[in-house]
mmCIF file of all heavy atoms, coordinates in Angstrom:
data_MODEL
# 
_entry.id   MODEL 
# 
loop_
_atom_site.group_PDB 
_atom_site.id 
_atom_site.type_symbol 
_atom_site.label_atom_id 
_atom_site.label_alt_id 
_atom_site.label_comp_id 
_atom_site.label_asym_id 
_atom_site.label_entity_id 
_atom_site.label_seq_id 
_atom_site.pdbx_PDB_ins_code 
_atom_site.Cartn_x 
_atom_site.Cartn_y 
_atom_site.Cartn_z 
_atom_site.occupancy 
_atom_site.B_iso_or_equiv 
_atom_site.pdbx_formal_charge 
_atom_site.auth_seq_id 
_atom_site.auth_comp_id 
_atom_site.auth_asym_id 
_atom_site.auth_atom_id 
_atom_site.pdbx_PDB_model_num 
ATOM 1   N N   . TRP A 1 1  ? 8.600   10.133 24.732 1.00 0.00 ? 1  TRP A N   1 
ATOM 2   C CA  . TRP A 1 1  ? 8.600   8.954  23.854 1.00 0.00 ? 1  TRP A CA  1 
ATOM 3   C C   . TRP A 1 1  ? 9.826   8.811  23.098 1.00 0.00 ? 1  TRP A C   1 
ATOM 4   O O   . TRP A 1 1  ? 10.508  9.801  22.902 1.00 0.00 ? 1  TRP A O   1 
ATOM 5   C CB  . TRP A 1 1  ? 7.395   9.081  22.936 1.00 0.00 ? 1  TRP A CB  1 
ATOM 6   C CG  . TRP A 1 1  ? 7.388   10.345 22.065 1.00 0.00 ? 1  TRP A CG  1 
ATOM 7   C CD1 . TRP A 1 1  ? 7.111   11.659 22.415 1.00 0.00 ? 1  TRP A CD1 1 
ATOM 8   C CD2 . TRP A 1 1  ? 8.001   10.394 20.701 1.00 0.00 ? 1  TRP A CD2 1 
ATOM 9   N NE1 . TRP A 1 1  ? 7.292   12.509 21.414 1.00 0.00 ? 1  TRP A NE1 1 
ATOM 10  C CE2 . TRP A 1 1  ? 7.777   11.789 20.222 1.00 0.00 ? 1  TRP A CE2 1 
ATOM 11  C CE3 . TRP A 1 1  ? 8.245   9.489  19.794 1.00 0.00 ? 1  TRP A CE3 1 
ATOM 12  C CZ2 . TRP A 1 1  ? 8.146   12.151 18.949 1.00 0.00 ? 1  TRP A CZ2 1 
ATOM 13  C CZ3 . TRP A 1 1  ? 8.675   9.875  18.560 1.00 0.00 ? 1  TRP A CZ3 1 
ATOM 14  C CH2 . TRP A 1 1  ? 8.667   11.163 18.124 1.00 0.00 ? 1  TRP A CH2 1 
ATOM 15  N N   . TYR A 1 2  ? 10.135  7.620  22.753 1.00 0.00 ? 2  TYR A N   1 
ATOM 16  C CA  . TYR A 1 2  ? 11.274  7.190  21.879 1.00 0.00 ? 2  TYR A CA  1 
ATOM 17  C C   . TYR A 1 2  ? 11.002  6.752  20.558 1.00 0.00 ? 2  TYR A C   1 
ATOM 18  O O   . TYR A 1 2  ? 11.833  6.746  19.579 1.00 0.00 ? 2  TYR A O   1 
ATOM 19  C CB  . TYR A 1 2  ? 12.084  6.176  22.629 1.00 0.00 ? 2  TYR A CB  1 
ATOM 20  C CG  . TYR A 1 2  ? 12.356  6.490  24.130 1.00 0.00 ? 2  TYR A CG  1 
ATOM 21  C CD1 . TYR A 1 2  ? 11.958  5.611  25.031 1.00 0.00 ? 2  TYR A CD1 1 
ATOM 22  C CD2 . TYR A 1 2  ? 12.858  7.803  24.565 1.00 0.00 ? 2  TYR A CD2 1 
ATOM 23  C CE1 . TYR A 1 2  ? 12.119  5.893  26.440 1.00 0.00 ? 2  TYR A CE1 1 
ATOM 24  C CE2 . TYR A 1 2  ? 12.959  7.977  25.831 1.00 0.00 ? 2  TYR A CE2 1 
ATOM 25  C CZ  . TYR A 1 2  ? 12.692  7.022  26.869 1.00 0.00 ? 2  TYR A CZ  1 
ATOM 26  O OH  . TYR A 1 2  ? 12.770  7.330  28.214 1.00 0.00 ? 2  TYR A OH  1 
ATOM 27  N N   . ALA A 1 3  ? 9.733   6.320  20.334 1.00 0.00 ? 3  ALA A N   1 
ATOM 28  C CA  . ALA A 1 3  ? 9.211   5.934  19.134 1.00 0.00 ? 3  ALA A CA  1 
ATOM 29  C C   . ALA A 1 3  ? 7.711   5.927  19.064 1.00 0.00 ? 3  ALA A C   1 
ATOM 30  O O   . ALA A 1 3  ? 7.151   5.797  20.187 1.00 0.00 ? 3  ALA A O   1 
ATOM 31  C CB  . ALA A 1 3  ? 9.643   4.521  18.678 1.00 0.00 ? 3  ALA A CB  1 
ATOM 32  N N   . ALA A 1 4  ? 7.094   6.286  17.989 1.00 0.00 ? 4  ALA A N   1 
ATOM 33  C CA  . ALA A 1 4  ? 5.645   6.479  17.974 1.00 0.00 ? 4  ALA A CA  1 
ATOM 34  C C   . ALA A 1 4  ? 5.127   6.054  16.640 1.00 0.00 ? 4  ALA A C   1 
ATOM 35  O O   . ALA A 1 4  ? 5.724   5.979  15.570 1.00 0.00 ? 4  ALA A O   1 
ATOM 36  C CB  . ALA A 1 4  ? 5.235   7.928  18.244 1.00 0.00 ? 4  ALA A CB  1 
ATOM 37  N N   . GLY A 1 5  ? 3.795   5.504  16.658 1.00 0.00 ? 5  GLY A N   1 
ATOM 38  C CA  . GLY A 1 5  ? 3.110   5.056  15.368 1.00 0.00 ? 5  GLY A CA  1 
ATOM 39  C C   . GLY A 1 5  ? 1.604   5.340  15.634 1.00 0.00 ? 5  GLY A C   1 
ATOM 40  O O   . GLY A 1 5  ? 1.048   5.448  16.742 1.00 0.00 ? 5  GLY A O   1 
ATOM 41  N N   . GLU A 1 6  ? 0.895   5.456  14.465 1.00 0.00 ? 6  GLU A N   1 
ATOM 42  C CA  . GLU A 1 6  ? -0.506  5.703  14.505 1.00 0.00 ? 6  GLU A CA  1 
ATOM 43  C C   . GLU A 1 6  ? -1.126  4.844  13.521 1.00 0.00 ? 6  GLU A C   1 
ATOM 44  O O   . GLU A 1 6  ? -0.690  4.740  12.301 1.00 0.00 ? 6  GLU A O   1 
ATOM 45  C CB  . GLU A 1 6  ? -0.767  7.219  14.246 1.00 0.00 ? 6  GLU A CB  1 
ATOM 46  C CG  . GLU A 1 6  ? -2.198  7.615  14.263 1.00 0.00 ? 6  GLU A CG  1 
ATOM 47  C CD  . GLU A 1 6  ? -2.415  9.190  13.895 1.00 0.00 ? 6  GLU A CD  1 
ATOM 48  O OE1 . GLU A 1 6  ? -2.079  9.464  12.792 1.00 0.00 ? 6  GLU A OE1 1 
ATOM 49  O OE2 . GLU A 1 6  ? -2.914  9.797  14.913 1.00 0.00 ? 6  GLU A OE2 1 
ATOM 50  N N   . THR A 1 7  ? -2.400  4.419  13.820 1.00 0.00 ? 7  THR A N   1 
ATOM 51  C CA  . THR A 1 7  ? -3.266  3.704  12.857 1.00 0.00 ? 7  THR A CA  1 
ATOM 52  C C   . THR A 1 7  ? -4.582  4.441  12.981 1.00 0.00 ? 7  THR A C   1 
ATOM 53  O O   . THR A 1 7  ? -5.049  4.763  14.034 1.00 0.00 ? 7  THR A O   1 
ATOM 54  C CB  . THR A 1 7  ? -3.564  2.173  13.106 1.00 0.00 ? 7  THR A CB  1 
ATOM 55  O OG1 . THR A 1 7  ? -4.157  1.939  14.423 1.00 0.00 ? 7  THR A OG1 1 
ATOM 56  C CG2 . THR A 1 7  ? -2.125  1.504  13.081 1.00 0.00 ? 7  THR A CG2 1 
ATOM 57  N N   . ILE A 1 8  ? -5.124  4.665  11.792 1.00 0.00 ? 8  ILE A N   1 
ATOM 58  C CA  . ILE A 1 8  ? -6.431  5.297  11.743 1.00 0.00 ? 8  ILE A CA  1 
ATOM 59  C C   . ILE A 1 8  ? -7.385  4.556  10.745 1.00 0.00 ? 8  ILE A C   1 
ATOM 60  O O   . ILE A 1 8  ? -6.926  3.789  9.893  1.00 0.00 ? 8  ILE A O   1 
ATOM 61  C CB  . ILE A 1 8  ? -6.342  6.871  11.104 1.00 0.00 ? 8  ILE A CB  1 
ATOM 62  C CG1 . ILE A 1 8  ? -5.558  6.841  9.892  1.00 0.00 ? 8  ILE A CG1 1 
ATOM 63  C CG2 . ILE A 1 8  ? -5.549  7.640  12.269 1.00 0.00 ? 8  ILE A CG2 1 
ATOM 64  C CD1 . ILE A 1 8  ? -5.525  8.336  9.296  1.00 0.00 ? 8  ILE A CD1 1 
ATOM 65  N N   . GLY A 1 9  ? -8.583  4.692  11.042 1.00 0.00 ? 9  GLY A N   1 
ATOM 66  C CA  . GLY A 1 9  ? -9.667  3.954  10.164 1.00 0.00 ? 9  GLY A CA  1 
ATOM 67  C C   . GLY A 1 9  ? -10.949 4.574  10.132 1.00 0.00 ? 9  GLY A C   1 
ATOM 68  O O   . GLY A 1 9  ? -11.261 5.425  11.004 1.00 0.00 ? 9  GLY A O   1 
ATOM 69  N N   . TRP A 1 10 ? -11.749 4.316  9.089  1.00 0.00 ? 10 TRP A N   1 
ATOM 70  C CA  . TRP A 1 10 ? -13.140 4.827  8.988  1.00 0.00 ? 10 TRP A CA  1 
ATOM 71  C C   . TRP A 1 10 ? -14.030 3.750  8.567  1.00 0.00 ? 10 TRP A C   1 
ATOM 72  O O   . TRP A 1 10 ? -13.821 2.814  7.825  1.00 0.00 ? 10 TRP A O   1 
ATOM 73  C CB  . TRP A 1 10 ? -13.112 5.982  7.913  1.00 0.00 ? 10 TRP A CB  1 
ATOM 74  C CG  . TRP A 1 10 ? -14.416 6.440  7.469  1.00 0.00 ? 10 TRP A CG  1 
ATOM 75  C CD1 . TRP A 1 10 ? -15.211 7.367  7.961  1.00 0.00 ? 10 TRP A CD1 1 
ATOM 76  C CD2 . TRP A 1 10 ? -15.273 5.818  6.479  1.00 0.00 ? 10 TRP A CD2 1 
ATOM 77  N NE1 . TRP A 1 10 ? -16.390 7.573  7.357  1.00 0.00 ? 10 TRP A NE1 1 
ATOM 78  C CE2 . TRP A 1 10 ? -16.546 6.595  6.463  1.00 0.00 ? 10 TRP A CE2 1 
ATOM 79  C CE3 . TRP A 1 10 ? -15.116 4.746  5.519  1.00 0.00 ? 10 TRP A CE3 1 
ATOM 80  C CZ2 . TRP A 1 10 ? -17.486 6.149  5.498  1.00 0.00 ? 10 TRP A CZ2 1 
ATOM 81  C CZ3 . TRP A 1 10 ? -16.119 4.431  4.679  1.00 0.00 ? 10 TRP A CZ3 1 
ATOM 82  C CH2 . TRP A 1 10 ? -17.332 5.073  4.701  1.00 0.00 ? 10 TRP A CH2 1 
ATOM 83  N N   . ASN A 1 11 ? -15.397 3.892  9.088  1.00 0.00 ? 11 ASN A N   1 
ATOM 84  C CA  . ASN A 1 11 ? -16.375 3.111  8.672  1.00 0.00 ? 11 ASN A CA  1 
ATOM 85  C C   . ASN A 1 11 ? -17.692 3.782  9.085  1.00 0.00 ? 11 ASN A C   1 
ATOM 86  O O   . ASN A 1 11 ? -17.673 4.672  9.922  1.00 0.00 ? 11 ASN A O   1 
ATOM 87  C CB  . ASN A 1 11 ? -16.291 1.646  8.911  1.00 0.00 ? 11 ASN A CB  1 
ATOM 88  C CG  . ASN A 1 11 ? -16.394 1.327  10.387 1.00 0.00 ? 11 ASN A CG  1 
ATOM 89  O OD1 . ASN A 1 11 ? -17.336 1.664  11.110 1.00 0.00 ? 11 ASN A OD1 1 
ATOM 90  N ND2 . ASN A 1 11 ? -15.323 0.721  10.926 1.00 0.00 ? 11 ASN A ND2 1 
ATOM 91  N N   . ASP A 1 12 ? -18.850 3.344  8.594  1.00 0.00 ? 12 ASP A N   1 
ATOM 92  C CA  . ASP A 1 12 ? -20.175 3.859  8.995  1.00 0.00 ? 12 ASP A CA  1 
ATOM 93  C C   . ASP A 1 12 ? -21.033 2.733  9.470  1.00 0.00 ? 12 ASP A C   1 
ATOM 94  O O   . ASP A 1 12 ? -22.318 2.915  9.349  1.00 0.00 ? 12 ASP A O   1 
ATOM 95  C CB  . ASP A 1 12 ? -20.790 4.577  7.850  1.00 0.00 ? 12 ASP A CB  1 
ATOM 96  C CG  . ASP A 1 12 ? -21.004 3.766  6.542  1.00 0.00 ? 12 ASP A CG  1 
ATOM 97  O OD1 . ASP A 1 12 ? -20.601 2.447  6.574  1.00 0.00 ? 12 ASP A OD1 1 
ATOM 98  O OD2 . ASP A 1 12 ? -21.467 4.273  5.443  1.00 0.00 ? 12 ASP A OD2 1 
ATOM 99  N N   . TYR A 1 13 ? -20.579 1.774  10.103 1.00 0.00 ? 13 TYR A N   1 
ATOM 100 C CA  . TYR A 1 13 ? -21.380 0.715  10.675 1.00 0.00 ? 13 TYR A CA  1 
ATOM 101 C C   . TYR A 1 13 ? -22.056 1.301  11.942 1.00 0.00 ? 13 TYR A C   1 
ATOM 102 O O   . TYR A 1 13 ? -21.368 1.830  12.767 1.00 0.00 ? 13 TYR A O   1 
ATOM 103 C CB  . TYR A 1 13 ? -20.603 -0.503 11.048 1.00 0.00 ? 13 TYR A CB  1 
ATOM 104 C CG  . TYR A 1 13 ? -20.080 -1.473 9.872  1.00 0.00 ? 13 TYR A CG  1 
ATOM 105 C CD1 . TYR A 1 13 ? -19.197 -1.096 8.989  1.00 0.00 ? 13 TYR A CD1 1 
ATOM 106 C CD2 . TYR A 1 13 ? -20.864 -2.448 9.675  1.00 0.00 ? 13 TYR A CD2 1 
ATOM 107 C CE1 . TYR A 1 13 ? -18.851 -1.958 8.112  1.00 0.00 ? 13 TYR A CE1 1 
ATOM 108 C CE2 . TYR A 1 13 ? -20.558 -3.306 8.610  1.00 0.00 ? 13 TYR A CE2 1 
ATOM 109 C CZ  . TYR A 1 13 ? -19.487 -3.022 7.768  1.00 0.00 ? 13 TYR A CZ  1 
ATOM 110 O OH  . TYR A 1 13 ? -19.292 -3.977 6.829  1.00 0.00 ? 13 TYR A OH  1 
ATOM 111 N N   . PRO A 1 14 ? -23.459 1.212  11.925 1.00 0.00 ? 14 PRO A N   1 
ATOM 112 C CA  . PRO A 1 14 ? -24.192 1.890  13.104 1.00 0.00 ? 14 PRO A CA  1 
ATOM 113 C C   . PRO A 1 14 ? -23.920 1.135  14.417 1.00 0.00 ? 14 PRO A C   1 
ATOM 114 O O   . PRO A 1 14 ? -24.010 1.992  15.463 1.00 0.00 ? 14 PRO A O   1 
ATOM 115 C CB  . PRO A 1 14 ? -25.557 1.666  12.519 1.00 0.00 ? 14 PRO A CB  1 
ATOM 116 C CG  . PRO A 1 14 ? -25.581 0.477  11.630 1.00 0.00 ? 14 PRO A CG  1 
ATOM 117 C CD  . PRO A 1 14 ? -24.278 0.451  11.045 1.00 0.00 ? 14 PRO A CD  1 
ATOM 118 N N   . LYS A 1 15 ? -23.602 -0.087 14.462 1.00 0.00 ? 15 LYS A N   1 
ATOM 119 C CA  . LYS A 1 15 ? -23.424 -0.673 15.756 1.00 0.00 ? 15 LYS A CA  1 
ATOM 120 C C   . LYS A 1 15 ? -21.974 -0.602 16.138 1.00 0.00 ? 15 LYS A C   1 
ATOM 121 O O   . LYS A 1 15 ? -21.087 -0.897 15.336 1.00 0.00 ? 15 LYS A O   1 
ATOM 122 C CB  . LYS A 1 15 ? -23.882 -2.177 15.800 1.00 0.00 ? 15 LYS A CB  1 
ATOM 123 C CG  . LYS A 1 15 ? -25.377 -2.261 15.558 1.00 0.00 ? 15 LYS A CG  1 
ATOM 124 C CD  . LYS A 1 15 ? -25.828 -3.772 15.694 1.00 0.00 ? 15 LYS A CD  1 
ATOM 125 C CE  . LYS A 1 15 ? -27.294 -3.874 15.611 1.00 0.00 ? 15 LYS A CE  1 
ATOM 126 N NZ  . LYS A 1 15 ? -27.822 -5.337 15.694 1.00 0.00 ? 15 LYS A NZ  1 
ATOM 127 N N   . LEU A 1 16 ? -21.656 -0.167 17.400 1.00 0.00 ? 16 LEU A N   1 
ATOM 128 C CA  . LEU A 1 16 ? -20.330 0.075  17.756 1.00 0.00 ? 16 LEU A CA  1 
ATOM 129 C C   . LEU A 1 16 ? -19.460 -1.284 17.684 1.00 0.00 ? 16 LEU A C   1 
ATOM 130 O O   . LEU A 1 16 ? -18.382 -1.316 17.281 1.00 0.00 ? 16 LEU A O   1 
ATOM 131 C CB  . LEU A 1 16 ? -20.241 0.398  19.367 1.00 0.00 ? 16 LEU A CB  1 
ATOM 132 C CG  . LEU A 1 16 ? -18.880 0.611  19.910 1.00 0.00 ? 16 LEU A CG  1 
ATOM 133 C CD1 . LEU A 1 16 ? -18.063 1.762  19.155 1.00 0.00 ? 16 LEU A CD1 1 
ATOM 134 C CD2 . LEU A 1 16 ? -18.998 1.088  21.257 1.00 0.00 ? 16 LEU A CD2 1 
ATOM 135 N N   . ALA A 1 17 ? -20.129 -2.543 18.045 1.00 0.00 ? 17 ALA A N   1 
ATOM 136 C CA  . ALA A 1 17 ? -19.351 -3.781 17.902 1.00 0.00 ? 17 ALA A CA  1 
ATOM 137 C C   . ALA A 1 17 ? -18.926 -4.074 16.517 1.00 0.00 ? 17 ALA A C   1 
ATOM 138 O O   . ALA A 1 17 ? -17.820 -4.520 16.328 1.00 0.00 ? 17 ALA A O   1 
ATOM 139 C CB  . ALA A 1 17 ? -20.195 -4.876 18.552 1.00 0.00 ? 17 ALA A CB  1 
ATOM 140 N N   . ASP A 1 18 ? -19.844 -3.755 15.556 1.00 0.00 ? 18 ASP A N   1 
ATOM 141 C CA  . ASP A 1 18 ? -19.501 -4.074 14.230 1.00 0.00 ? 18 ASP A CA  1 
ATOM 142 C C   . ASP A 1 18 ? -18.418 -2.980 13.740 1.00 0.00 ? 18 ASP A C   1 
ATOM 143 O O   . ASP A 1 18 ? -17.471 -3.426 13.174 1.00 0.00 ? 18 ASP A O   1 
ATOM 144 C CB  . ASP A 1 18 ? -20.885 -3.796 13.308 1.00 0.00 ? 18 ASP A CB  1 
ATOM 145 C CG  . ASP A 1 18 ? -21.747 -4.966 13.633 1.00 0.00 ? 18 ASP A CG  1 
ATOM 146 O OD1 . ASP A 1 18 ? -21.429 -6.014 13.979 1.00 0.00 ? 18 ASP A OD1 1 
ATOM 147 O OD2 . ASP A 1 18 ? -22.992 -4.679 13.295 1.00 0.00 ? 18 ASP A OD2 1 
ATOM 148 N N   . SER A 1 19 ? -18.541 -1.832 14.136 1.00 0.00 ? 19 SER A N   1 
ATOM 149 C CA  . SER A 1 19 ? -17.534 -0.868 13.675 1.00 0.00 ? 19 SER A CA  1 
ATOM 150 C C   . SER A 1 19 ? -16.206 -1.214 14.251 1.00 0.00 ? 19 SER A C   1 
ATOM 151 O O   . SER A 1 19 ? -15.097 -1.076 13.559 1.00 0.00 ? 19 SER A O   1 
ATOM 152 C CB  . SER A 1 19 ? -17.906 0.639  14.130 1.00 0.00 ? 19 SER A CB  1 
ATOM 153 O OG  . SER A 1 19 ? -17.095 1.607  13.792 1.00 0.00 ? 19 SER A OG  1 
ATOM 154 N N   . THR A 1 20 ? -16.088 -1.615 15.514 1.00 0.00 ? 20 THR A N   1 
ATOM 155 C CA  . THR A 1 20 ? -14.982 -2.017 16.067 1.00 0.00 ? 20 THR A CA  1 
ATOM 156 C C   . THR A 1 20 ? -14.300 -3.212 15.319 1.00 0.00 ? 20 THR A C   1 
ATOM 157 O O   . THR A 1 20 ? -13.136 -3.257 15.077 1.00 0.00 ? 20 THR A O   1 
ATOM 158 C CB  . THR A 1 20 ? -15.097 -2.370 17.630 1.00 0.00 ? 20 THR A CB  1 
ATOM 159 O OG1 . THR A 1 20 ? -15.855 -1.257 18.219 1.00 0.00 ? 20 THR A OG1 1 
ATOM 160 C CG2 . THR A 1 20 ? -13.665 -2.741 18.376 1.00 0.00 ? 20 THR A CG2 1 
ATOM 161 N N   . ARG A 1 21 ? -15.087 -4.209 15.167 1.00 0.00 ? 21 ARG A N   1 
ATOM 162 C CA  . ARG A 1 21 ? -14.563 -5.423 14.457 1.00 0.00 ? 21 ARG A CA  1 
ATOM 163 C C   . ARG A 1 21 ? -14.073 -5.151 13.171 1.00 0.00 ? 21 ARG A C   1 
ATOM 164 O O   . ARG A 1 21 ? -13.039 -5.511 12.741 1.00 0.00 ? 21 ARG A O   1 
ATOM 165 C CB  . ARG A 1 21 ? -15.745 -6.431 14.393 1.00 0.00 ? 21 ARG A CB  1 
ATOM 166 C CG  . ARG A 1 21 ? -15.333 -7.614 13.564 1.00 0.00 ? 21 ARG A CG  1 
ATOM 167 C CD  . ARG A 1 21 ? -16.559 -8.725 13.539 1.00 0.00 ? 21 ARG A CD  1 
ATOM 168 N NE  . ARG A 1 21 ? -17.846 -8.017 13.247 1.00 0.00 ? 21 ARG A NE  1 
ATOM 169 C CZ  . ARG A 1 21 ? -18.168 -7.717 11.908 1.00 0.00 ? 21 ARG A CZ  1 
ATOM 170 N NH1 . ARG A 1 21 ? -17.325 -8.058 10.925 1.00 0.00 ? 21 ARG A NH1 1 
ATOM 171 N NH2 . ARG A 1 21 ? -19.415 -7.060 11.692 1.00 0.00 ? 21 ARG A NH2 1 
ATOM 172 N N   . VAL A 1 22 ? -14.857 -4.202 12.355 1.00 0.00 ? 22 VAL A N   1 
ATOM 173 C CA  . VAL A 1 22 ? -14.333 -4.055 10.961 1.00 0.00 ? 22 VAL A CA  1 
ATOM 174 C C   . VAL A 1 22 ? -13.173 -3.185 10.860 1.00 0.00 ? 22 VAL A C   1 
ATOM 175 O O   . VAL A 1 22 ? -12.326 -3.523 10.020 1.00 0.00 ? 22 VAL A O   1 
ATOM 176 C CB  . VAL A 1 22 ? -15.629 -3.297 10.224 1.00 0.00 ? 22 VAL A CB  1 
ATOM 177 C CG1 . VAL A 1 22 ? -15.239 -2.871 8.915  1.00 0.00 ? 22 VAL A CG1 1 
ATOM 178 C CG2 . VAL A 1 22 ? -16.787 -4.198 10.100 1.00 0.00 ? 22 VAL A CG2 1 
ATOM 179 N N   . VAL A 1 23 ? -12.909 -2.183 11.708 1.00 0.00 ? 23 VAL A N   1 
ATOM 180 C CA  . VAL A 1 23 ? -11.844 -1.400 11.687 1.00 0.00 ? 23 VAL A CA  1 
ATOM 181 C C   . VAL A 1 23 ? -10.548 -2.153 12.067 1.00 0.00 ? 23 VAL A C   1 
ATOM 182 O O   . VAL A 1 23 ? -9.397  -2.117 11.476 1.00 0.00 ? 23 VAL A O   1 
ATOM 183 C CB  . VAL A 1 23 ? -11.994 -0.181 12.533 1.00 0.00 ? 23 VAL A CB  1 
ATOM 184 C CG1 . VAL A 1 23 ? -11.757 -0.312 14.021 1.00 0.00 ? 23 VAL A CG1 1 
ATOM 185 C CG2 . VAL A 1 23 ? -10.959 0.957  11.966 1.00 0.00 ? 23 VAL A CG2 1 
ATOM 186 N N   . ASN A 1 24 ? -10.734 -3.090 13.068 1.00 0.00 ? 24 ASN A N   1 
ATOM 187 C CA  . ASN A 1 24 ? -9.674  -4.003 13.413 1.00 0.00 ? 24 ASN A CA  1 
ATOM 188 C C   . ASN A 1 24 ? -9.305  -4.914 12.356 1.00 0.00 ? 24 ASN A C   1 
ATOM 189 O O   . ASN A 1 24 ? -8.025  -5.046 11.991 1.00 0.00 ? 24 ASN A O   1 
ATOM 190 C CB  . ASN A 1 24 ? -10.017 -4.720 14.682 1.00 0.00 ? 24 ASN A CB  1 
ATOM 191 C CG  . ASN A 1 24 ? -8.716  -5.502 15.202 1.00 0.00 ? 24 ASN A CG  1 
ATOM 192 O OD1 . ASN A 1 24 ? -7.839  -5.113 15.658 1.00 0.00 ? 24 ASN A OD1 1 
ATOM 193 N ND2 . ASN A 1 24 ? -8.858  -6.828 15.063 1.00 0.00 ? 24 ASN A ND2 1 
ATOM 194 N N   . GLN A 1 25 ? -10.229 -5.388 11.552 1.00 0.00 ? 25 GLN A N   1 
ATOM 195 C CA  . GLN A 1 25 ? -10.009 -6.344 10.530 1.00 0.00 ? 25 GLN A CA  1 
ATOM 196 C C   . GLN A 1 25 ? -9.179  -5.583 9.349  1.00 0.00 ? 25 GLN A C   1 
ATOM 197 O O   . GLN A 1 25 ? -8.367  -6.039 8.787  1.00 0.00 ? 25 GLN A O   1 
ATOM 198 C CB  . GLN A 1 25 ? -11.305 -6.952 9.944  1.00 0.00 ? 25 GLN A CB  1 
ATOM 199 C CG  . GLN A 1 25 ? -11.922 -8.067 10.851 1.00 0.00 ? 25 GLN A CG  1 
ATOM 200 C CD  . GLN A 1 25 ? -13.186 -8.481 10.278 1.00 0.00 ? 25 GLN A CD  1 
ATOM 201 O OE1 . GLN A 1 25 ? -13.912 -7.785 9.476  1.00 0.00 ? 25 GLN A OE1 1 
ATOM 202 N NE2 . GLN A 1 25 ? -13.685 -9.628 10.865 1.00 0.00 ? 25 GLN A NE2 1 
ATOM 203 N N   . GLY A 1 26 ? -9.791  -4.323 9.219  1.00 0.00 ? 26 GLY A N   1 
ATOM 204 C CA  . GLY A 1 26 ? -9.033  -3.478 8.112  1.00 0.00 ? 26 GLY A CA  1 
ATOM 205 C C   . GLY A 1 26 ? -7.591  -3.218 8.498  1.00 0.00 ? 26 GLY A C   1 
ATOM 206 O O   . GLY A 1 26 ? -6.619  -3.358 7.615  1.00 0.00 ? 26 GLY A O   1 
# 
């Protein structure tokens, strides 16, 4: 690798679709 980055996030939405949407919005 020549460059690297990381994004992390947390939530407790029970439905995967909701959790995915919310972390991406964040």
